[in-house]
Amino acid sequence: MAKAAEYYSRAKQLIEVDQDWQASGSMILKALAEERKSENTGLQVMNVIKYQKFKTKLEFNFRS
């Protein structure tokens, strides 16, 4: 999320100081992509934890 905040502040600077709408828009899109990445990573970790099966006893599978 820190990277996204950095992109947002850069976008603000680009629009207020340089009046560069295109570069500002690009920075906003990068910030949104970073937010989406950070949200998805958290969900993936939670899904791994949620669906991980913990073994409480020894399990053996024999095939003949």
PDB file of N, CA and C in Angstrom:
ATOM      1  N   MET A   1       0.814  -1.197   0.000  1.00  0.00           N
ATOM      2  CA  MET A   1       0.000   0.000   0.000  1.00  0.00           C
ATOM      3  C   MET A   1       0.858   1.262   0.000  1.00  0.00           C
ATOM      4  N   ALA A   2       2.079   1.160   0.512  1.00  0.00           N
ATOM      5  CA  ALA A   2       2.969   2.321   0.539  1.00  0.00           C
ATOM      6  C   ALA A   2       3.317   2.761  -0.877  1.00  0.00           C
ATOM      7  N   LYS A   3       3.496   1.787  -1.751  1.00  0.00           N
ATOM      8  CA  LYS A   3       3.826   2.112  -3.134  1.00  0.00           C
ATOM      9  C   LYS A   3       2.648   2.822  -3.806  1.00  0.00           C
ATOM     10  N   ALA A   4       1.435   2.386  -3.502  1.00  0.00           N
ATOM     11  CA  ALA A   4       0.242   3.021  -4.066  1.00  0.00           C
ATOM     12  C   ALA A   4       0.138   4.464  -3.595  1.00  0.00           C
ATOM     13  N   ALA A   5       0.399   4.702  -2.321  1.00  0.00           N
ATOM     14  CA  ALA A   5       0.357   6.071  -1.789  1.00  0.00           C
ATOM     15  C   ALA A   5       1.405   6.945  -2.460  1.00  0.00           C
ATOM     16  N   GLU A   6       2.551   6.358  -2.742  1.00  0.00           N
ATOM     17  CA  GLU A   6       3.614   7.094  -3.439  1.00  0.00           C
ATOM     18  C   GLU A   6       3.158   7.489  -4.843  1.00  0.00           C
ATOM     19  N   TYR A   7       2.496   6.559  -5.539  1.00  0.00           N
ATOM     20  CA  TYR A   7       1.986   6.854  -6.877  1.00  0.00           C
ATOM     21  C   TYR A   7       0.910   7.942  -6.833  1.00  0.00           C
ATOM     22  N   TYR A   8       0.035   7.894  -5.831  1.00  0.00           N
ATOM     23  CA  TYR A   8      -1.004   8.920  -5.710  1.00  0.00           C
ATOM     24  C   TYR A   8      -0.398  10.302  -5.470  1.00  0.00           C
ATOM     25  N   SER A   9       0.603  10.382  -4.605  1.00  0.00           N
ATOM     26  CA  SER A   9       1.223  11.688  -4.340  1.00  0.00           C
ATOM     27  C   SER A   9       1.958  12.193  -5.577  1.00  0.00           C
ATOM     28  N   ARG A  10       2.561  11.285  -6.324  1.00  0.00           N
ATOM     29  CA  ARG A  10       3.236  11.678  -7.574  1.00  0.00           C
ATOM     30  C   ARG A  10       2.207  12.172  -8.587  1.00  0.00           C
ATOM     31  N   ALA A  11       1.056  11.519  -8.655  1.00  0.00           N
ATOM     32  CA  ALA A  11      -0.009  11.945  -9.567  1.00  0.00           C
ATOM     33  C   ALA A  11      -0.506  13.335  -9.197  1.00  0.00           C
ATOM     34  N   LYS A  12      -0.657  13.578  -7.899  1.00  0.00           N
ATOM     35  CA  LYS A  12      -1.100  14.896  -7.434  1.00  0.00           C
ATOM     36  C   LYS A  12      -0.095  15.972  -7.828  1.00  0.00           C
ATOM     37  N   GLN A  13       1.181  15.669  -7.664  1.00  0.00           N
ATOM     38  CA  GLN A  13       2.225  16.627  -8.024  1.00  0.00           C
ATOM     39  C   GLN A  13       2.216  16.891  -9.532  1.00  0.00           C
ATOM     40  N   LEU A  14       2.077  15.849 -10.313  1.00  0.00           N
ATOM     41  CA  LEU A  14       2.076  16.008 -11.767  1.00  0.00           C
ATOM     42  C   LEU A  14       0.931  16.893 -12.239  1.00  0.00           C
ATOM     43  N   ILE A  15      -0.238  16.751 -11.623  1.00  0.00           N
ATOM     44  CA  ILE A  15      -1.385  17.538 -12.075  1.00  0.00           C
ATOM     45  C   ILE A  15      -1.332  18.968 -11.549  1.00  0.00           C
ATOM     46  N   GLU A  16      -0.894  19.145 -10.291  1.00  0.00           N
ATOM     47  CA  GLU A  16      -0.889  20.483  -9.701  1.00  0.00           C
ATOM     48  C   GLU A  16       0.281  21.337 -10.174  1.00  0.00           C
ATOM     49  N   VAL A  17       1.447  20.747 -10.306  1.00  0.00           N
ATOM     50  CA  VAL A  17       2.638  21.523 -10.657  1.00  0.00           C
ATOM     51  C   VAL A  17       2.865  21.560 -12.166  1.00  0.00           C
ATOM     52  N   ASP A  18       2.823  20.400 -12.789  1.00  0.00           N
ATOM     53  CA  ASP A  18       3.175  20.311 -14.208  1.00  0.00           C
ATOM     54  C   ASP A  18       1.972  20.365 -15.145  1.00  0.00           C
ATOM     55  N   GLN A  19       0.763  20.279 -14.613  1.00  0.00           N
ATOM     56  CA  GLN A  19      -0.468  20.194 -15.408  1.00  0.00           C
ATOM     57  C   GLN A  19      -0.378  19.104 -16.478  1.00  0.00           C
ATOM     58  N   ASP A  20       0.240  17.995 -16.126  1.00  0.00           N
ATOM     59  CA  ASP A  20       0.393  16.873 -17.049  1.00  0.00           C
ATOM     60  C   ASP A  20      -0.686  15.837 -16.738  1.00  0.00           C
ATOM     61  N   TRP A  21      -1.817  15.962 -17.432  1.00  0.00           N
ATOM     62  CA  TRP A  21      -2.961  15.089 -17.180  1.00  0.00           C
ATOM     63  C   TRP A  21      -2.664  13.637 -17.533  1.00  0.00           C
ATOM     64  N   GLN A  22      -1.959  13.436 -18.625  1.00  0.00           N
ATOM     65  CA  GLN A  22      -1.692  12.069 -19.079  1.00  0.00           C
ATOM     66  C   GLN A  22      -0.793  11.321 -18.096  1.00  0.00           C
ATOM     67  N   ALA A  23       0.290  11.952 -17.663  1.00  0.00           N
ATOM     68  CA  ALA A  23       1.196  11.302 -16.711  1.00  0.00           C
ATOM     69  C   ALA A  23       0.509  11.085 -15.368  1.00  0.00           C
ATOM     70  N   SER A  24      -0.323  12.047 -14.968  1.00  0.00           N
ATOM     71  CA  SER A  24      -1.059  11.918 -13.714  1.00  0.00           C
ATOM     72  C   SER A  24      -2.022  10.731 -13.775  1.00  0.00           C
ATOM     73  N   GLY A  25      -2.704  10.597 -14.892  1.00  0.00           N
ATOM     74  CA  GLY A  25      -3.609   9.464 -15.077  1.00  0.00           C
ATOM     75  C   GLY A  25      -2.876   8.134 -15.035  1.00  0.00           C
ATOM     76  N   SER A  26      -1.699   8.103 -15.632  1.00  0.00           N
ATOM     77  CA  SER A  26      -0.888   6.877 -15.602  1.00  0.00           C
ATOM     78  C   SER A  26      -0.495   6.515 -14.181  1.00  0.00           C
ATOM     79  N   MET A  27      -0.132   7.527 -13.384  1.00  0.00           N
ATOM     80  CA  MET A  27       0.249   7.276 -11.988  1.00  0.00           C
ATOM     81  C   MET A  27      -0.942   6.753 -11.186  1.00  0.00           C
ATOM     82  N   ILE A  28      -2.119   7.291 -11.449  1.00  0.00           N
ATOM     83  CA  ILE A  28      -3.321   6.832 -10.748  1.00  0.00           C
ATOM     84  C   ILE A  28      -3.614   5.375 -11.107  1.00  0.00           C
ATOM     85  N   LEU A  29      -3.460   5.029 -12.383  1.00  0.00           N
ATOM     86  CA  LEU A  29      -3.676   3.637 -12.795  1.00  0.00           C
ATOM     87  C   LEU A  29      -2.660   2.702 -12.149  1.00  0.00           C
ATOM     88  N   LYS A  30      -1.411   3.144 -12.041  1.00  0.00           N
ATOM     89  CA  LYS A  30      -0.392   2.333 -11.366  1.00  0.00           C
ATOM     90  C   LYS A  30      -0.746   2.152  -9.891  1.00  0.00           C
ATOM     91  N   ALA A  31      -1.230   3.218  -9.257  1.00  0.00           N
ATOM     92  CA  ALA A  31      -1.614   3.142  -7.843  1.00  0.00           C
ATOM     93  C   ALA A  31      -2.763   2.156  -7.651  1.00  0.00           C
ATOM     94  N   LEU A  32      -3.743   2.211  -8.526  1.00  0.00           N
ATOM     95  CA  LEU A  32      -4.866   1.274  -8.440  1.00  0.00           C
ATOM     96  C   LEU A  32      -4.399  -0.167  -8.630  1.00  0.00           C
ATOM     97  N   ALA A  33      -3.467  -0.379  -9.544  1.00  0.00           N
ATOM     98  CA  ALA A  33      -2.928  -1.725  -9.766  1.00  0.00           C
ATOM     99  C   ALA A  33      -2.193  -2.221  -8.523  1.00  0.00           C
ATOM    100  N   GLU A  34      -1.445  -1.347  -7.868  1.00  0.00           N
ATOM    101  CA  GLU A  34      -0.729  -1.726  -6.645  1.00  0.00           C
ATOM    102  C   GLU A  34      -1.708  -2.077  -5.525  1.00  0.00           C
ATOM    103  N   GLU A  35      -2.792  -1.294  -5.410  1.00  0.00           N
ATOM    104  CA  GLU A  35      -3.811  -1.593  -4.397  1.00  0.00           C
ATOM    105  C   GLU A  35      -4.429  -2.964  -4.654  1.00  0.00           C
ATOM    106  N   ARG A  36      -4.732  -3.230  -5.912  1.00  0.00           N
ATOM    107  CA  ARG A  36      -5.341  -4.515  -6.269  1.00  0.00           C
ATOM    108  C   ARG A  36      -4.382  -5.661  -5.960  1.00  0.00           C
ATOM    109  N   LYS A  37      -3.096  -5.480  -6.257  1.00  0.00           N
ATOM    110  CA  LYS A  37      -2.099  -6.515  -5.954  1.00  0.00           C
ATOM    111  C   LYS A  37      -2.040  -6.794  -4.463  1.00  0.00           C
ATOM    112  N   SER A  38      -2.007  -5.731  -3.672  1.00  0.00           N
ATOM    113  CA  SER A  38      -1.882  -5.926  -2.224  1.00  0.00           C
ATOM    114  C   SER A  38      -3.131  -6.578  -1.643  1.00  0.00           C
ATOM    115  N   GLU A  39      -4.299  -6.243  -2.168  1.00  0.00           N
ATOM    116  CA  GLU A  39      -5.534  -6.872  -1.691  1.00  0.00           C
ATOM    117  C   GLU A  39      -5.581  -8.342  -2.083  1.00  0.00           C
ATOM    118  N   ASN A  40      -5.180  -8.661  -3.294  1.00  0.00           N
ATOM    119  CA  ASN A  40      -5.213 -10.052  -3.751  1.00  0.00           C
ATOM    120  C   ASN A  40      -4.222 -10.919  -2.998  1.00  0.00           C
ATOM    121  N   THR A  41      -3.075 -10.380  -2.677  1.00  0.00           N
ATOM    122  CA  THR A  41      -2.071 -11.149  -1.945  1.00  0.00           C
ATOM    123  C   THR A  41      -2.606 -11.556  -0.587  1.00  0.00           C
ATOM    124  N   GLY A  42      -3.252 -10.639   0.099  1.00  0.00           N
ATOM    125  CA  GLY A  42      -3.821 -10.952   1.404  1.00  0.00           C
ATOM    126  C   GLY A  42      -4.875 -12.035   1.318  1.00  0.00           C
ATOM    127  N   LEU A  43      -5.709 -11.971   0.304  1.00  0.00           N
ATOM    128  CA  LEU A  43      -6.754 -12.977   0.133  1.00  0.00           C
ATOM    129  C   LEU A  43      -6.156 -14.337  -0.184  1.00  0.00           C
ATOM    130  N   GLN A  44      -5.110 -14.365  -0.989  1.00  0.00           N
ATOM    131  CA  GLN A  44      -4.484 -15.639  -1.317  1.00  0.00           C
ATOM    132  C   GLN A  44      -3.900 -16.280  -0.073  1.00  0.00           C
ATOM    133  N   VAL A  45      -3.250 -15.495   0.767  1.00  0.00           N
ATOM    134  CA  VAL A  45      -2.670 -16.023   2.002  1.00  0.00           C
ATOM    135  C   VAL A  45      -3.773 -16.545   2.910  1.00  0.00           C
ATOM    136  N   MET A  46      -4.863 -15.806   3.030  1.00  0.00           N
ATOM    137  CA  MET A  46      -5.969 -16.242   3.878  1.00  0.00           C
ATOM    138  C   MET A  46      -6.589 -17.529   3.340  1.00  0.00           C
ATOM    139  N   ASN A  47      -6.707 -17.656   2.024  1.00  0.00           N
ATOM    140  CA  ASN A  47      -7.263 -18.883   1.450  1.00  0.00           C
ATOM    141  C   ASN A  47      -6.361 -20.075   1.717  1.00  0.00           C
ATOM    142  N   VAL A  48      -5.063 -19.887   1.656  1.00  0.00           N
ATOM    143  CA  VAL A  48      -4.133 -20.981   1.943  1.00  0.00           C
ATOM    144  C   VAL A  48      -4.279 -21.409   3.391  1.00  0.00           C
ATOM    145  N   ILE A  49      -4.357 -20.447   4.285  1.00  0.00           N
ATOM    146  CA  ILE A  49      -4.506 -20.761   5.707  1.00  0.00           C
ATOM    147  C   ILE A  49      -5.852 -21.438   5.957  1.00  0.00           C
ATOM    148  N   LYS A  50      -6.900 -20.933   5.324  1.00  0.00           N
ATOM    149  CA  LYS A  50      -8.246 -21.450   5.543  1.00  0.00           C
ATOM    150  C   LYS A  50      -8.390 -22.888   5.056  1.00  0.00           C
ATOM    151  N   TYR A  51      -7.825 -23.198   3.907  1.00  0.00           N
ATOM    152  CA  TYR A  51      -8.040 -24.503   3.304  1.00  0.00           C
ATOM    153  C   TYR A  51      -6.920 -25.501   3.569  1.00  0.00           C
ATOM    154  N   GLN A  52      -5.935 -25.100   4.334  1.00  0.00           N
ATOM    155  CA  GLN A  52      -4.847 -26.023   4.643  1.00  0.00           C
ATOM    156  C   GLN A  52      -5.349 -27.069   5.633  1.00  0.00           C
ATOM    157  N   LYS A  53      -5.090 -28.314   5.323  1.00  0.00           N
ATOM    158  CA  LYS A  53      -5.527 -29.413   6.183  1.00  0.00           C
ATOM    159  C   LYS A  53      -4.372 -29.797   7.101  1.00  0.00           C
ATOM    160  N   PHE A  54      -4.602 -29.683   8.372  1.00  0.00           N
ATOM    161  CA  PHE A  54      -3.582 -30.047   9.338  1.00  0.00           C
ATOM    162  C   PHE A  54      -3.757 -31.510   9.716  1.00  0.00           C
ATOM    163  N   LYS A  55      -2.666 -32.246   9.715  1.00  0.00           N
ATOM    164  CA  LYS A  55      -2.715 -33.666  10.069  1.00  0.00           C
ATOM    165  C   LYS A  55      -2.480 -33.809  11.565  1.00  0.00           C
ATOM    166  N   THR A  56      -3.412 -34.481  12.213  1.00  0.00           N
ATOM    167  CA  THR A  56      -3.285 -34.700  13.653  1.00  0.00           C
ATOM    168  C   THR A  56      -2.823 -36.115  13.965  1.00  0.00           C
ATOM    169  N   LYS A  57      -2.810 -36.962  12.957  1.00  0.00           N
ATOM    170  CA  LYS A  57      -2.346 -38.334  13.153  1.00  0.00           C
ATOM    171  C   LYS A  57      -1.643 -38.775  11.879  1.00  0.00           C
ATOM    172  N   LEU A  58      -0.937 -39.848  11.963  1.00  0.00           N
ATOM    173  CA  LEU A  58      -0.266 -40.372  10.781  1.00  0.00           C
ATOM    174  C   LEU A  58      -1.289 -41.000   9.854  1.00  0.00           C
ATOM    175  N   GLU A  59      -1.165 -40.697   8.584  1.00  0.00           N
ATOM    176  CA  GLU A  59      -2.065 -41.278   7.600  1.00  0.00           C
ATOM    177  C   GLU A  59      -1.229 -42.048   6.587  1.00  0.00           C
ATOM    178  N   PHE A  60      -1.619 -43.288   6.348  1.00  0.00           N
ATOM    179  CA  PHE A  60      -0.901 -44.120   5.396  1.00  0.00           C
ATOM    180  C   PHE A  60      -1.848 -44.536   4.288  1.00  0.00           C
ATOM    181  N   ASN A  61      -1.361 -44.511   3.077  1.00  0.00           N
ATOM    182  CA  ASN A  61      -2.119 -44.992   1.927  1.00  0.00           C
ATOM    183  C   ASN A  61      -1.297 -46.073   1.247  1.00  0.00           C
ATOM    184  N   PHE A  62      -1.842 -47.280   1.202  1.00  0.00           N
ATOM    185  CA  PHE A  62      -1.153 -48.387   0.554  1.00  0.00           C
ATOM    186  C   PHE A  62      -1.917 -48.774  -0.697  1.00  0.00           C
ATOM    187  N   ARG A  63      -1.199 -48.920  -1.772  1.00  0.00           N
ATOM    188  CA  ARG A  63      -1.818 -49.375  -3.017  1.00  0.00           C
ATOM    189  C   ARG A  63      -1.148 -50.676  -3.424  1.00  0.00           C
ATOM    190  N   SER A  64      -1.949 -51.602  -3.906  1.00  0.00           N
ATOM    191  CA  SER A  64      -1.365 -52.878  -4.341  1.00  0.00           C
ATOM    192  C   SER A  64      -1.377 -52.988  -5.844  1.00  0.00           C
TER     193      SER A  64
END
